[in-house]
Protein backbone atom coordinates (compact mmCIF):
# COMPACT_ATOMS: atom_id res chain seq x y z
CA MET A 1 44.01 -50.61 23.31
CA GLU A 2 47.29 -50.02 24.41
CA ASN A 3 45.94 -46.77 26.57
CA LYS A 4 43.64 -48.82 27.85
CA MET A 5 46.00 -51.23 29.76
CA VAL A 6 47.83 -48.46 31.05
CA GLN A 7 44.83 -47.05 32.41
CA THR A 8 44.02 -50.64 33.98
CA ILE A 9 47.37 -50.85 35.66
CA VAL A 10 47.66 -47.41 36.63
CA LYS A 11 44.11 -47.45 38.11
CA MET A 12 45.42 -50.93 40.21
CA ALA A 13 48.38 -49.43 40.97
CA VAL A 14 46.40 -45.89 42.52
CA GLU A 15 43.82 -47.86 43.94
CA ASN A 16 46.70 -50.25 46.05
CA GLY A 17 48.56 -46.82 46.87
CA ILE A 18 45.12 -45.24 48.41
CA ARG A 19 45.14 -48.86 50.71
CA TYR A 20 48.72 -48.10 51.84
CA ILE A 21 48.00 -44.54 53.02
CA GLU A 22 45.13 -45.62 54.90
CA ASP A 23 47.43 -48.17 56.93
CA ASN A 24 50.37 -45.54 56.90
CA PRO A 25 50.04 -42.70 55.55
CA LYS A 26 53.82 -41.17 55.29
CA ARG A 27 55.10 -44.58 53.82
CA GLY A 28 51.84 -45.53 51.87
CA VAL A 29 52.25 -41.76 50.03
CA ARG A 30 56.13 -42.18 49.31
CA ASN A 31 55.04 -45.45 48.16
CA LEU A 32 52.91 -44.13 45.67
CA LEU A 33 55.16 -41.63 44.91
CA ASP A 34 57.87 -43.94 43.78
CA LEU A 35 55.42 -45.83 41.75
CA GLY A 36 54.56 -42.72 39.99
CA GLU A 37 57.74 -41.69 39.29
CA TYR A 38 58.73 -45.25 37.33
CA PHE A 39 56.13 -44.81 35.20
CA ALA A 40 56.26 -41.04 34.44
CA SER A 41 57.62 -40.40 31.06
CA GLY A 42 56.38 -37.35 30.36
CA ARG A 43 57.65 -33.54 31.26
CA PHE A 44 54.91 -32.57 33.76
CA GLN A 45 55.10 -36.03 35.63
CA LYS A 46 58.80 -35.54 35.59
CA VAL A 47 58.43 -32.10 37.00
CA PHE A 48 55.40 -33.14 39.52
CA PHE A 49 57.22 -36.02 41.15
CA ASP A 50 60.40 -34.14 41.57
CA LEU A 51 58.81 -31.30 43.54
CA ALA A 52 57.18 -33.82 45.37
CA HIS A 53 59.97 -35.76 46.62
CA GLU A 54 61.49 -32.79 47.83
CA ILE A 55 58.42 -31.47 49.56
CA LEU A 56 57.82 -34.89 51.37
CA ASN A 57 61.28 -35.50 52.42
CA ASN A 58 59.86 -32.94 55.40
CA GLU A 59 59.02 -35.34 57.66
CA ASP A 60 56.76 -32.82 59.09
CA SER A 61 55.13 -31.86 56.21
CA TYR A 62 51.82 -30.46 56.60
CA TYR A 63 50.65 -32.64 53.17
CA TYR A 64 50.91 -35.56 55.30
CA GLU A 65 47.96 -34.16 57.14
CA ILE A 66 45.91 -33.16 54.10
CA ILE A 67 46.61 -36.42 51.91
CA GLU A 68 45.49 -38.56 55.38
CA ASP A 69 42.11 -36.57 55.54
CA LEU A 70 41.67 -36.97 51.86
CA VAL A 71 42.01 -40.58 52.08
CA LYS A 72 39.89 -41.36 55.23
CA ASN A 73 36.96 -39.03 54.32
CA THR A 74 36.69 -39.10 50.48
CA LYS A 75 35.18 -42.29 48.37
CA HIS A 76 38.28 -43.92 47.24
CA ASP A 77 36.69 -44.30 43.93
CA ASN A 78 36.34 -40.69 43.62
CA LEU A 79 40.02 -40.29 44.59
CA THR A 80 41.09 -42.70 42.37
CA VAL A 81 38.68 -42.16 39.04
CA PHE A 82 39.34 -38.08 39.11
CA GLY A 83 43.12 -38.54 39.81
CA ILE A 84 43.35 -40.82 37.09
CA ASN A 85 41.44 -38.72 34.68
CA MET A 86 43.06 -35.87 35.90
CA GLY A 87 46.78 -36.96 36.30
CA TYR A 88 46.84 -39.65 33.65
CA ASN A 89 44.57 -39.14 30.93
CA SER A 90 44.41 -35.25 30.88
CA LEU A 91 48.19 -34.41 31.76
CA THR A 92 49.73 -37.55 30.15
CA TYR A 93 47.62 -38.96 27.69
CA GLY A 94 45.74 -35.74 26.39
CA ALA A 95 48.81 -33.88 27.22
CA ASN A 96 50.54 -35.90 24.15
CA ILE A 97 47.87 -35.65 21.89
CA ILE A 98 48.08 -32.15 22.26
CA ARG A 99 51.59 -31.37 22.26
CA GLU A 100 51.25 -33.74 18.45
CA HIS A 101 47.90 -31.32 17.38
CA GLU A 102 49.86 -28.45 18.09
CA LYS A 103 52.99 -29.18 15.88
CA LYS A 104 51.18 -30.97 13.25
CA HIS A 105 48.79 -27.56 12.81
CA GLY A 106 50.77 -24.85 14.28
CA TYR A 107 48.65 -23.28 17.04
CA ASN A 108 48.37 -23.62 21.08
CA ILE A 109 45.32 -25.90 22.88
CA PRO A 110 44.60 -25.60 26.13
CA TRP A 111 44.67 -28.17 28.53
CA SER A 112 41.56 -27.25 29.84
CA ILE A 113 38.41 -25.60 29.08
CA ALA A 114 36.15 -23.41 31.09
CA PHE A 115 32.35 -23.03 30.89
CA ASN A 116 31.65 -19.74 32.15
CA PHE A 117 27.43 -20.49 33.20
CA GLU A 118 27.53 -17.64 36.08
CA GLU A 119 26.13 -14.79 33.94
CA ASN A 120 22.45 -14.98 32.81
CA SER A 121 21.74 -15.52 28.84
CA ASP A 122 18.26 -16.27 27.21
CA ASN A 123 20.12 -18.49 24.64
CA ASN A 124 22.09 -21.10 27.01
CA LEU A 125 24.14 -23.74 25.66
CA THR A 126 21.94 -26.96 25.38
CA GLU A 127 23.32 -30.20 27.07
CA GLU A 128 23.54 -31.50 23.17
CA GLU A 129 25.94 -28.68 22.65
CA ILE A 130 27.86 -28.99 25.76
CA LEU A 131 28.29 -32.35 24.96
CA ASN A 132 29.50 -31.79 21.79
CA ILE A 133 31.65 -29.02 22.61
CA ILE A 134 33.51 -31.90 25.54
CA ASN A 135 33.70 -34.40 22.48
CA SER A 136 35.26 -31.88 20.27
CA GLY A 137 37.86 -31.25 23.30
CA LYS A 138 38.43 -34.76 23.06
CA ASN A 139 39.35 -35.51 19.85
CA ILE A 140 42.60 -32.80 20.21
CA GLY A 141 43.40 -33.87 23.99
CA ILE A 142 41.49 -31.89 26.62
CA TYR A 143 40.02 -34.01 29.21
CA SER A 144 39.71 -31.28 32.38
CA TYR A 145 36.73 -28.70 32.12
CA MET A 146 36.18 -26.33 34.63
CA ILE A 147 32.36 -25.03 35.18
CA MET A 148 31.70 -22.05 36.64
CA LEU A 149 27.93 -22.18 37.97
CA GLY A 150 27.81 -19.68 40.52
CA LYS A 151 24.18 -19.77 41.42
CA LYS A 152 23.16 -20.83 38.14
CA ASP A 153 21.37 -24.54 38.94
CA MET A 154 22.26 -26.46 35.62
CA TRP A 155 23.15 -29.65 37.48
CA ASN A 156 20.16 -31.58 35.55
CA ILE A 157 21.92 -30.95 32.10
CA LEU A 158 25.37 -31.72 33.59
CA PHE A 159 25.11 -34.86 34.77
CA ASP A 160 25.11 -37.00 31.27
CA ALA A 161 28.26 -35.19 30.38
CA PHE A 162 29.60 -36.97 33.55
CA ASP A 163 28.18 -40.13 33.06
CA GLU A 164 28.99 -40.14 28.90
CA TYR A 165 32.81 -38.48 29.43
CA ASN A 166 33.65 -40.66 32.99
CA ASP A 167 37.59 -40.65 31.49
CA CYS A 168 37.47 -36.93 31.92
CA ALA A 169 37.78 -34.47 35.48
CA PHE A 170 35.31 -31.72 35.91
CA ILE A 171 35.61 -29.44 38.67
CA LEU A 172 32.53 -27.50 39.35
CA PHE A 173 32.58 -23.78 40.75
CA ALA A 174 29.24 -23.41 42.48
CA ASP A 175 27.28 -21.10 45.31
CA GLN A 176 26.63 -22.39 48.47
CA ASP A 177 22.79 -21.82 47.74
CA ILE A 178 22.51 -24.32 44.94
CA ILE A 179 23.71 -27.22 47.21
CA ASP A 180 21.57 -29.03 49.16
CA GLU A 181 21.74 -32.63 50.30
CA GLU A 182 19.79 -34.42 47.26
CA MET A 183 22.14 -33.05 44.48
CA VAL A 184 24.77 -34.00 46.63
CA LYS A 185 23.43 -37.36 46.72
CA LYS A 186 23.91 -37.50 42.85
CA ILE A 187 27.15 -35.86 42.65
CA SER A 188 28.85 -38.86 45.27
CA ASN A 189 27.78 -40.92 42.52
CA ASN A 190 29.95 -39.04 39.83
CA PRO A 191 33.95 -40.38 40.68
CA ASN A 192 34.85 -37.83 37.96
CA VAL A 193 33.83 -34.68 39.84
CA CYS A 194 35.10 -32.18 42.37
CA THR A 195 33.15 -29.94 43.86
CA LEU A 196 33.96 -26.37 45.03
CA ILE A 197 31.85 -23.91 46.94
CA LEU A 198 32.23 -20.24 46.85
CA ILE A 199 33.64 -18.64 50.11
CA ASP A 200 32.27 -14.98 50.46
CA ASN A 201 34.30 -13.45 53.25
CA PHE A 202 37.32 -14.99 55.47
CA GLU A 203 37.11 -12.11 58.03
CA ILE A 204 33.63 -14.04 59.36
CA GLN A 205 32.50 -17.63 59.76
CA ASP A 206 29.69 -18.76 57.87
CA LYS A 207 28.11 -21.51 59.35
CA ASP A 208 25.75 -21.72 56.43
CA ILE A 209 28.73 -22.55 54.09
CA THR A 210 30.30 -24.77 56.98
CA LYS A 211 26.64 -27.06 56.75
CA LYS A 212 27.06 -27.48 53.01
CA LEU A 213 30.59 -28.41 53.43
CA ASN A 214 29.55 -30.85 55.54
CA ILE A 215 26.90 -32.28 53.40
CA LEU A 216 29.59 -33.01 50.89
CA ARG A 217 32.01 -34.11 53.87
CA LYS A 218 29.01 -36.80 54.84
CA TYR A 219 28.71 -38.21 51.46
CA LYS A 220 32.32 -38.48 50.96
CA CYS A 221 32.40 -36.33 47.99
CA LEU A 222 35.85 -34.85 46.39
CA TYR A 223 35.45 -31.45 47.28
CA GLY A 224 37.08 -27.57 48.43
CA GLY A 225 36.25 -24.25 48.22
CA TYR A 226 37.08 -21.48 46.05
CA TYR A 227 37.49 -17.47 46.46
CA CYS A 228 37.05 -14.64 44.11
CA TYR A 229 40.08 -11.89 44.96
CA ASP A 230 40.75 -8.45 44.32
CA ASP A 231 42.94 -6.05 45.71
CA SER A 232 41.74 -5.37 48.55
CA ASP A 233 42.13 -9.29 49.55
CA VAL A 234 46.28 -9.50 49.97
CA ILE A 235 46.30 -9.30 53.60
CA ASN A 236 44.01 -11.80 54.21
CA ILE A 237 45.00 -13.90 51.71
CA THR A 238 48.48 -13.92 52.87
CA ASN A 239 48.58 -12.86 57.12
CA GLY A 240 47.12 -16.68 57.48
CA THR A 241 43.38 -15.64 58.12
CA ALA A 242 42.39 -16.99 54.70
CA SER A 243 44.06 -20.66 55.86
CA SER A 244 42.62 -20.44 59.18
CA ASN A 245 39.16 -20.27 57.92
CA LEU A 246 39.42 -22.90 55.69
CA VAL A 247 40.86 -25.08 58.11
CA SER A 248 37.89 -24.53 60.50
CA MET A 249 35.44 -25.39 57.35
CA ASN A 250 37.33 -28.61 57.10
CA LEU A 251 38.61 -27.66 53.70
CA ASN A 252 42.01 -29.21 52.51
CA PHE A 253 42.12 -27.31 49.45
CA ALA A 254 41.18 -24.08 47.88
CA VAL A 255 41.24 -22.57 44.40
CA PHE A 256 41.70 -18.57 44.23
CA VAL A 257 40.20 -16.74 41.29
CA LYS A 258 41.20 -13.65 40.32
CA GLN A 259 38.86 -11.17 39.26
CA THR A 260 39.00 -9.19 36.24
CA ASP A 261 39.37 -5.73 38.24
CA CYS A 262 42.21 -7.48 39.96
CA SER A 263 45.46 -5.21 39.56
CA GLU A 264 48.20 -7.69 37.77
CA HIS A 265 50.40 -6.82 40.16
CA VAL A 266 48.40 -7.90 42.81
CA ALA A 267 47.96 -10.98 41.10
CA GLN A 268 51.05 -11.74 40.76
CA ASN A 269 51.69 -11.20 44.40
CA ILE A 270 49.13 -13.39 45.38
CA SER A 271 50.13 -15.90 42.52
CA GLU A 272 53.88 -16.00 44.01
CA TYR A 273 52.55 -16.26 47.31
CA ILE A 274 50.29 -19.29 46.78
CA LEU A 275 53.43 -21.14 44.81
CA SER A 276 55.61 -20.37 47.93
CA THR A 277 53.34 -21.76 50.47
CA ARG A 278 53.05 -25.30 48.25
CA ILE A 279 56.92 -25.54 47.97
CA LYS A 280 57.74 -24.71 51.91
CA THR A 281 54.38 -26.55 53.25
CA ASN A 282 53.62 -23.76 55.52
CA SER A 283 50.01 -23.88 55.18
CA PRO A 284 47.90 -26.78 56.12
CA VAL A 285 45.58 -25.84 53.34
CA LEU A 286 46.44 -26.61 49.86
CA PHE A 287 46.35 -23.39 47.94
CA ILE A 288 45.63 -23.21 43.80
CA ASP A 289 45.97 -20.33 41.78
CA PHE A 290 43.26 -20.53 39.23
CA TYR A 291 44.96 -18.68 36.42
CA GLY A 292 48.66 -19.19 37.36
CA ASP A 293 48.82 -22.86 37.76
CA HIS A 294 46.58 -23.28 34.81
CA ALA A 295 49.38 -21.42 33.02
CA ARG A 296 52.09 -22.94 34.49
CA VAL A 297 50.71 -26.70 33.49
CA ASP A 298 50.18 -24.98 30.10
CA LYS A 299 53.89 -23.71 29.87
CA ILE A 300 55.14 -27.49 31.00
CA ILE A 301 52.84 -29.29 28.28
CA SER A 302 53.63 -27.01 25.39
CA GLU A 303 55.76 -24.13 26.16
CA GLU A 304 53.37 -20.97 25.45
CA GLN A 305 50.18 -20.43 28.30
CA CYS A 306 46.98 -20.11 26.89
CA PHE A 307 43.31 -19.70 28.08
CA LEU A 308 39.84 -20.52 26.64
CA SER A 309 36.04 -19.87 28.55
CA ILE A 310 33.28 -20.53 26.87
CA ASN A 311 30.01 -18.44 28.24
CA SER A 312 26.43 -19.71 28.98
CA ASP A 313 25.58 -18.46 25.22
CA GLY A 314 28.03 -19.95 23.61
CA GLN A 315 30.58 -16.51 23.25
CA VAL A 316 33.98 -17.66 23.24
CA CYS A 317 37.10 -16.00 25.52
CA VAL A 318 40.39 -15.89 25.41
CA SER A 319 42.91 -14.88 28.37
CA ASP A 320 42.40 -14.65 31.60
CA THR A 321 40.70 -11.09 31.27
CA ALA A 322 37.58 -12.56 30.03
CA ASN A 323 38.10 -10.88 26.41
CA LYS A 324 35.43 -11.74 23.87
CA THR A 325 36.37 -13.13 20.84
CA LYS A 326 34.24 -12.39 17.62
CA HIS A 327 33.82 -16.31 17.85
CA ASN A 328 30.50 -18.67 19.45
CA ILE A 329 31.04 -21.84 19.42
CA ARG A 330 27.80 -22.65 18.18
CA SER A 331 28.52 -21.37 14.74
CA THR A 332 32.72 -22.06 14.69
CA SER A 333 34.07 -25.42 15.79
CA LEU A 334 36.54 -25.26 18.19
CA GLU A 335 39.45 -26.01 16.22
CA GLU A 336 38.89 -23.12 13.98
CA ILE A 337 38.25 -20.89 17.17
CA LEU A 338 42.21 -22.02 18.39
CA GLU A 339 43.68 -21.92 15.23
CA ASP A 340 42.30 -18.00 14.84
CA THR A 341 43.26 -16.97 18.17
CA MET A 342 45.98 -19.17 19.66
CA PRO A 343 48.74 -18.85 16.70
CA LYS A 344 52.23 -20.58 18.27
CA VAL A 345 54.63 -17.68 18.24
CA LYS A 346 56.91 -19.82 16.35
CA TYR A 347 54.69 -19.74 13.30
CA ILE A 348 54.18 -15.90 13.05
């Protein structure tokens, strides 16, 4: 009951904040930050709002343009619901549950679960199995779910999850080939979803991708792009080519995903570059490092980083190198898997 009351208060505050931003972007953003800081209580919130205030003290910060464009071209319900599900349910309320559960049971819990459905399988997880996994995750504080679709068209079995778990945040990673107007219409009715489209190449302008992105923009969905990088991509990411092309596609943010064959040295350099662009606000596009930022959030919530993904056949992997475990989610519970694969260091 208490959590529902807090959610209601937060929802009202965010809705008012978005209206303020629409009328006066800079003042509205600052007012919303001040309000968020007033309610902030956890470690993650304090770190976030301290950094946000420092960044937005710069009147010329690109973030004002990014936020203004998002507010004007995204359904306000989408911004509100996804923002609350990610910012409050996952990183505040859920984070508290995670910390208490870790303290009691002695193993780490990731703040999100990734479903890797890109690989083909003769025995895909069913809709019911996916719903059961999310339910198990919520019980231990996991309210964020990354779904890697690639070219696999699994929309129909996902919409029930979006509806049933409307207090969770879902981020979809999809190839342009499975995006069409009919599907985007359905997505636009799920305010707890953010859709990312694969960007294949920064060196050429892909008109087909731009068309798909424009469909998402037409229906005012919350959307962005994602790019899978390896050692050959360093220059295009760090010299401004990636940023320029993303802007030309009307993208406000993009997620960069390290491929398994990328060297750790390159991955570290790109991760540091992405973090630097956010702090210095010298890019008109918000860059997010999929694995690096996931780890940063984990360390704030529970000090030790961990990562868990589930393949389309239920096989469980841990770490950003896609190391397969002996576990399958169909035969072993989520908590048993975490207990076996993610013991906290202090308990060893």
